[in-house]
Amino acid sequence: MKKYLLAASLGASQIALAHPGHDHQHWAAEPIHILTAIAITAVIGTAFYIARKQKAKNHD
């Protein structure tokens, strides 16, 4: 499983790095970057919350 996750993350990072980019001077660039960071943080936080909840459930 870890090998597949590693392969997927390496493949996805190459795709992300290969995109042509976007205009950082546009007025919406800053809010979009902040909202993206908040969304990523929320997904990671939710994953940790669910993992801890599952771990606590399995210990009972």
PDB file of N, CA and C in Angstrom:
ATOM      1  N   MET A   1       0.818  -1.191   0.000  1.00  0.00           N
ATOM      2  CA  MET A   1       0.000   0.000   0.000  1.00  0.00           C
ATOM      3  C   MET A   1       0.868   1.264   0.000  1.00  0.00           C
ATOM      4  N   LYS A   2       1.929   1.251   0.812  1.00  0.00           N
ATOM      5  CA  LYS A   2       2.794   2.420   0.892  1.00  0.00           C
ATOM      6  C   LYS A   2       3.482   2.690  -0.447  1.00  0.00           C
ATOM      7  N   LYS A   3       3.805   1.625  -1.174  1.00  0.00           N
ATOM      8  CA  LYS A   3       4.451   1.801  -2.470  1.00  0.00           C
ATOM      9  C   LYS A   3       3.514   2.502  -3.451  1.00  0.00           C
ATOM     10  N   TYR A   4       2.226   2.139  -3.428  1.00  0.00           N
ATOM     11  CA  TYR A   4       1.256   2.758  -4.317  1.00  0.00           C
ATOM     12  C   TYR A   4       1.045   4.224  -3.957  1.00  0.00           C
ATOM     13  N   LEU A   5       1.003   4.507  -2.663  1.00  0.00           N
ATOM     14  CA  LEU A   5       0.843   5.887  -2.213  1.00  0.00           C
ATOM     15  C   LEU A   5       2.044   6.733  -2.621  1.00  0.00           C
ATOM     16  N   LEU A   6       3.232   6.181  -2.462  1.00  0.00           N
ATOM     17  CA  LEU A   6       4.446   6.888  -2.868  1.00  0.00           C
ATOM     18  C   LEU A   6       4.458   7.136  -4.372  1.00  0.00           C
ATOM     19  N   ALA A   7       4.109   6.123  -5.143  1.00  0.00           N
ATOM     20  CA  ALA A   7       4.092   6.264  -6.599  1.00  0.00           C
ATOM     21  C   ALA A   7       3.060   7.302  -7.032  1.00  0.00           C
ATOM     22  N   ALA A   8       1.893   7.304  -6.404  1.00  0.00           N
ATOM     23  CA  ALA A   8       0.849   8.269  -6.751  1.00  0.00           C
ATOM     24  C   ALA A   8       1.274   9.688  -6.400  1.00  0.00           C
ATOM     25  N   SER A   9       1.909   9.852  -5.246  1.00  0.00           N
ATOM     26  CA  SER A   9       2.321  11.197  -4.846  1.00  0.00           C
ATOM     27  C   SER A   9       3.451  11.717  -5.739  1.00  0.00           C
ATOM     28  N   LEU A  10       4.361  10.853  -6.131  1.00  0.00           N
ATOM     29  CA  LEU A  10       5.428  11.279  -7.033  1.00  0.00           C
ATOM     30  C   LEU A  10       4.873  11.640  -8.408  1.00  0.00           C
ATOM     31  N   GLY A  11       3.930  10.855  -8.876  1.00  0.00           N
ATOM     32  CA  GLY A  11       3.314  11.138 -10.169  1.00  0.00           C
ATOM     33  C   GLY A  11       2.515  12.429 -10.145  1.00  0.00           C
ATOM     34  N   ALA A  12       1.781  12.654  -9.073  1.00  0.00           N
ATOM     35  CA  ALA A  12       0.967  13.867  -8.961  1.00  0.00           C
ATOM     36  C   ALA A  12       1.849  15.098  -8.841  1.00  0.00           C
ATOM     37  N   SER A  13       2.955  14.983  -8.142  1.00  0.00           N
ATOM     38  CA  SER A  13       3.811  16.152  -7.983  1.00  0.00           C
ATOM     39  C   SER A  13       4.438  16.561  -9.313  1.00  0.00           C
ATOM     40  N   GLN A  14       4.746  15.614 -10.169  1.00  0.00           N
ATOM     41  CA  GLN A  14       5.304  15.945 -11.481  1.00  0.00           C
ATOM     42  C   GLN A  14       4.271  16.674 -12.336  1.00  0.00           C
ATOM     43  N   ILE A  15       3.021  16.258 -12.239  1.00  0.00           N
ATOM     44  CA  ILE A  15       1.960  16.922 -12.992  1.00  0.00           C
ATOM     45  C   ILE A  15       1.785  18.353 -12.480  1.00  0.00           C
ATOM     46  N   ALA A  16       1.806  18.524 -11.177  1.00  0.00           N
ATOM     47  CA  ALA A  16       1.622  19.854 -10.589  1.00  0.00           C
ATOM     48  C   ALA A  16       2.775  20.784 -10.965  1.00  0.00           C
ATOM     49  N   LEU A  17       3.969  20.272 -11.002  1.00  0.00           N
ATOM     50  CA  LEU A  17       5.118  21.103 -11.332  1.00  0.00           C
ATOM     51  C   LEU A  17       5.183  21.438 -12.816  1.00  0.00           C
ATOM     52  N   ALA A  18       4.518  20.646 -13.650  1.00  0.00           N
ATOM     53  CA  ALA A  18       4.618  20.839 -15.082  1.00  0.00           C
ATOM     54  C   ALA A  18       3.581  21.814 -15.637  1.00  0.00           C
ATOM     55  N   HIS A  19       2.636  22.294 -14.812  1.00  0.00           N
ATOM     56  CA  HIS A  19       1.610  23.183 -15.350  1.00  0.00           C
ATOM     57  C   HIS A  19       2.211  24.554 -15.699  1.00  0.00           C
ATOM     58  N   PRO A  20       1.613  25.264 -16.643  1.00  0.00           N
ATOM     59  CA  PRO A  20       2.205  26.503 -17.127  1.00  0.00           C
ATOM     60  C   PRO A  20       2.147  27.665 -16.134  1.00  0.00           C
ATOM     61  N   GLY A  21       1.344  27.558 -15.107  1.00  0.00           N
ATOM     62  CA  GLY A  21       1.278  28.628 -14.119  1.00  0.00           C
ATOM     63  C   GLY A  21       0.084  29.535 -14.325  1.00  0.00           C
ATOM     64  N   HIS A  22       0.054  30.614 -13.569  1.00  0.00           N
ATOM     65  CA  HIS A  22      -1.047  31.564 -13.650  1.00  0.00           C
ATOM     66  C   HIS A  22      -0.552  32.947 -13.238  1.00  0.00           C
ATOM     67  N   ASP A  23      -1.406  33.916 -13.414  1.00  0.00           N
ATOM     68  CA  ASP A  23      -1.050  35.307 -13.173  1.00  0.00           C
ATOM     69  C   ASP A  23      -1.108  35.625 -11.675  1.00  0.00           C
ATOM     70  N   HIS A  24       0.026  35.868 -11.066  1.00  0.00           N
ATOM     71  CA  HIS A  24       0.066  36.205  -9.638  1.00  0.00           C
ATOM     72  C   HIS A  24      -0.239  37.673  -9.393  1.00  0.00           C
ATOM     73  N   GLN A  25      -0.374  38.466 -10.437  1.00  0.00           N
ATOM     74  CA  GLN A  25      -0.692  39.880 -10.295  1.00  0.00           C
ATOM     75  C   GLN A  25      -2.200  40.141 -10.289  1.00  0.00           C
ATOM     76  N   HIS A  26      -2.984  39.130 -10.608  1.00  0.00           N
ATOM     77  CA  HIS A  26      -4.442  39.288 -10.628  1.00  0.00           C
ATOM     78  C   HIS A  26      -4.940  39.517  -9.209  1.00  0.00           C
ATOM     79  N   TRP A  27      -6.004  40.299  -9.062  1.00  0.00           N
ATOM     80  CA  TRP A  27      -6.506  40.641  -7.728  1.00  0.00           C
ATOM     81  C   TRP A  27      -6.991  39.419  -6.954  1.00  0.00           C
ATOM     82  N   ALA A  28      -7.411  38.360  -7.642  1.00  0.00           N
ATOM     83  CA  ALA A  28      -7.944  37.182  -6.972  1.00  0.00           C
ATOM     84  C   ALA A  28      -6.872  36.156  -6.620  1.00  0.00           C
ATOM     85  N   ALA A  29      -5.632  36.392  -7.013  1.00  0.00           N
ATOM     86  CA  ALA A  29      -4.575  35.405  -6.789  1.00  0.00           C
ATOM     87  C   ALA A  29      -4.340  35.163  -5.296  1.00  0.00           C
ATOM     88  N   GLU A  30      -4.256  36.216  -4.513  1.00  0.00           N
ATOM     89  CA  GLU A  30      -3.999  36.070  -3.072  1.00  0.00           C
ATOM     90  C   GLU A  30      -5.132  35.332  -2.351  1.00  0.00           C
ATOM     91  N   PRO A  31      -6.403  35.719  -2.543  1.00  0.00           N
ATOM     92  CA  PRO A  31      -7.480  34.976  -1.875  1.00  0.00           C
ATOM     93  C   PRO A  31      -7.548  33.514  -2.308  1.00  0.00           C
ATOM     94  N   ILE A  32      -7.276  33.253  -3.566  1.00  0.00           N
ATOM     95  CA  ILE A  32      -7.329  31.870  -4.040  1.00  0.00           C
ATOM     96  C   ILE A  32      -6.244  31.037  -3.363  1.00  0.00           C
ATOM     97  N   HIS A  33      -5.041  31.601  -3.218  1.00  0.00           N
ATOM     98  CA  HIS A  33      -3.972  30.866  -2.557  1.00  0.00           C
ATOM     99  C   HIS A  33      -4.301  30.630  -1.084  1.00  0.00           C
ATOM    100  N   ILE A  34      -4.861  31.622  -0.428  1.00  0.00           N
ATOM    101  CA  ILE A  34      -5.228  31.463   0.984  1.00  0.00           C
ATOM    102  C   ILE A  34      -6.324  30.415   1.128  1.00  0.00           C
ATOM    103  N   LEU A  35      -7.350  30.471   0.279  1.00  0.00           N
ATOM    104  CA  LEU A  35      -8.431  29.486   0.350  1.00  0.00           C
ATOM    105  C   LEU A  35      -7.926  28.082   0.051  1.00  0.00           C
ATOM    106  N   THR A  36      -6.994  27.962  -0.864  1.00  0.00           N
ATOM    107  CA  THR A  36      -6.417  26.658  -1.160  1.00  0.00           C
ATOM    108  C   THR A  36      -5.664  26.114   0.050  1.00  0.00           C
ATOM    109  N   ALA A  37      -4.887  26.965   0.712  1.00  0.00           N
ATOM    110  CA  ALA A  37      -4.151  26.544   1.905  1.00  0.00           C
ATOM    111  C   ALA A  37      -5.117  26.135   3.017  1.00  0.00           C
ATOM    112  N   ILE A  38      -6.201  26.882   3.186  1.00  0.00           N
ATOM    113  CA  ILE A  38      -7.204  26.533   4.202  1.00  0.00           C
ATOM    114  C   ILE A  38      -7.854  25.191   3.872  1.00  0.00           C
ATOM    115  N   ALA A  39      -8.167  24.969   2.604  1.00  0.00           N
ATOM    116  CA  ALA A  39      -8.792  23.710   2.195  1.00  0.00           C
ATOM    117  C   ALA A  39      -7.860  22.526   2.436  1.00  0.00           C
ATOM    118  N   ILE A  40      -6.591  22.682   2.103  1.00  0.00           N
ATOM    119  CA  ILE A  40      -5.624  21.602   2.317  1.00  0.00           C
ATOM    120  C   ILE A  40      -5.478  21.323   3.809  1.00  0.00           C
ATOM    121  N   THR A  41      -5.409  22.382   4.611  1.00  0.00           N
ATOM    122  CA  THR A  41      -5.307  22.223   6.060  1.00  0.00           C
ATOM    123  C   THR A  41      -6.539  21.518   6.617  1.00  0.00           C
ATOM    124  N   ALA A  42      -7.712  21.870   6.104  1.00  0.00           N
ATOM    125  CA  ALA A  42      -8.947  21.234   6.566  1.00  0.00           C
ATOM    126  C   ALA A  42      -8.971  19.743   6.225  1.00  0.00           C
ATOM    127  N   VAL A  43      -8.523  19.395   5.043  1.00  0.00           N
ATOM    128  CA  VAL A  43      -8.487  17.974   4.645  1.00  0.00           C
ATOM    129  C   VAL A  43      -7.517  17.193   5.528  1.00  0.00           C
ATOM    130  N   ILE A  44      -6.344  17.758   5.771  1.00  0.00           N
ATOM    131  CA  ILE A  44      -5.361  17.087   6.628  1.00  0.00           C
ATOM    132  C   ILE A  44      -5.900  16.960   8.056  1.00  0.00           C
ATOM    133  N   GLY A  45      -6.504  18.023   8.556  1.00  0.00           N
ATOM    134  CA  GLY A  45      -7.084  17.981   9.898  1.00  0.00           C
ATOM    135  C   GLY A  45      -8.190  16.949  10.021  1.00  0.00           C
ATOM    136  N   THR A  46      -9.030  16.876   9.014  1.00  0.00           N
ATOM    137  CA  THR A  46     -10.104  15.883   9.016  1.00  0.00           C
ATOM    138  C   THR A  46      -9.532  14.470   8.985  1.00  0.00           C
ATOM    139  N   ALA A  47      -8.494  14.257   8.204  1.00  0.00           N
ATOM    140  CA  ALA A  47      -7.868  12.933   8.138  1.00  0.00           C
ATOM    141  C   ALA A  47      -7.291  12.536   9.498  1.00  0.00           C
ATOM    142  N   PHE A  48      -6.606  13.462  10.165  1.00  0.00           N
ATOM    143  CA  PHE A  48      -6.068  13.167  11.495  1.00  0.00           C
ATOM    144  C   PHE A  48      -7.188  12.891  12.497  1.00  0.00           C
ATOM    145  N   TYR A  49      -8.256  13.682  12.431  1.00  0.00           N
ATOM    146  CA  TYR A  49      -9.390  13.488  13.341  1.00  0.00           C
ATOM    147  C   TYR A  49     -10.011  12.109  13.154  1.00  0.00           C
ATOM    148  N   ILE A  50     -10.237  11.725  11.917  1.00  0.00           N
ATOM    149  CA  ILE A  50     -10.844  10.417  11.636  1.00  0.00           C
ATOM    150  C   ILE A  50      -9.902   9.286  12.064  1.00  0.00           C
ATOM    151  N   ALA A  51      -8.600   9.458  11.799  1.00  0.00           N
ATOM    152  CA  ALA A  51      -7.632   8.429  12.189  1.00  0.00           C
ATOM    153  C   ALA A  51      -7.604   8.255  13.702  1.00  0.00           C
ATOM    154  N   ARG A  52      -7.611   9.361  14.444  1.00  0.00           N
ATOM    155  CA  ARG A  52      -7.609   9.275  15.915  1.00  0.00           C
ATOM    156  C   ARG A  52      -8.901   8.654  16.421  1.00  0.00           C
ATOM    157  N   LYS A  53     -10.011   8.999  15.796  1.00  0.00           N
ATOM    158  CA  LYS A  53     -11.311   8.449  16.197  1.00  0.00           C
ATOM    159  C   LYS A  53     -11.338   6.939  15.954  1.00  0.00           C
ATOM    160  N   GLN A  54     -10.827   6.502  14.801  1.00  0.00           N
ATOM    161  CA  GLN A  54     -10.780   5.076  14.488  1.00  0.00           C
ATOM    162  C   GLN A  54      -9.858   4.341  15.449  1.00  0.00           C
ATOM    163  N   LYS A  55      -8.717   4.956  15.768  1.00  0.00           N
ATOM    164  CA  LYS A  55      -7.770   4.334  16.689  1.00  0.00           C
ATOM    165  C   LYS A  55      -8.395   4.186  18.077  1.00  0.00           C
ATOM    166  N   ALA A  56      -9.103   5.191  18.544  1.00  0.00           N
ATOM    167  CA  ALA A  56      -9.759   5.123  19.849  1.00  0.00           C
ATOM    168  C   ALA A  56     -10.875   4.078  19.831  1.00  0.00           C
ATOM    169  N   LYS A  57     -11.575   3.969  18.714  1.00  0.00           N
ATOM    170  CA  LYS A  57     -12.661   2.994  18.605  1.00  0.00           C
ATOM    171  C   LYS A  57     -12.109   1.562  18.645  1.00  0.00           C
ATOM    172  N   ASN A  58     -10.964   1.350  18.014  1.00  0.00           N
ATOM    173  CA  ASN A  58     -10.359   0.012  17.966  1.00  0.00           C
ATOM    174  C   ASN A  58      -9.785  -0.400  19.311  1.00  0.00           C
ATOM    175  N   HIS A  59      -9.450   0.541  20.164  1.00  0.00           N
ATOM    176  CA  HIS A  59      -8.898   0.219  21.485  1.00  0.00           C
ATOM    177  C   HIS A  59      -9.983  -0.173  22.480  1.00  0.00           C
ATOM    178  N   ASP A  60     -11.230   0.163  22.183  1.00  0.00           N
ATOM    179  CA  ASP A  60     -12.336  -0.182  23.102  1.00  0.00           C
ATOM    180  C   ASP A  60     -12.784  -1.593  22.966  1.00  0.00           C
TER     181      ASP A  60
END
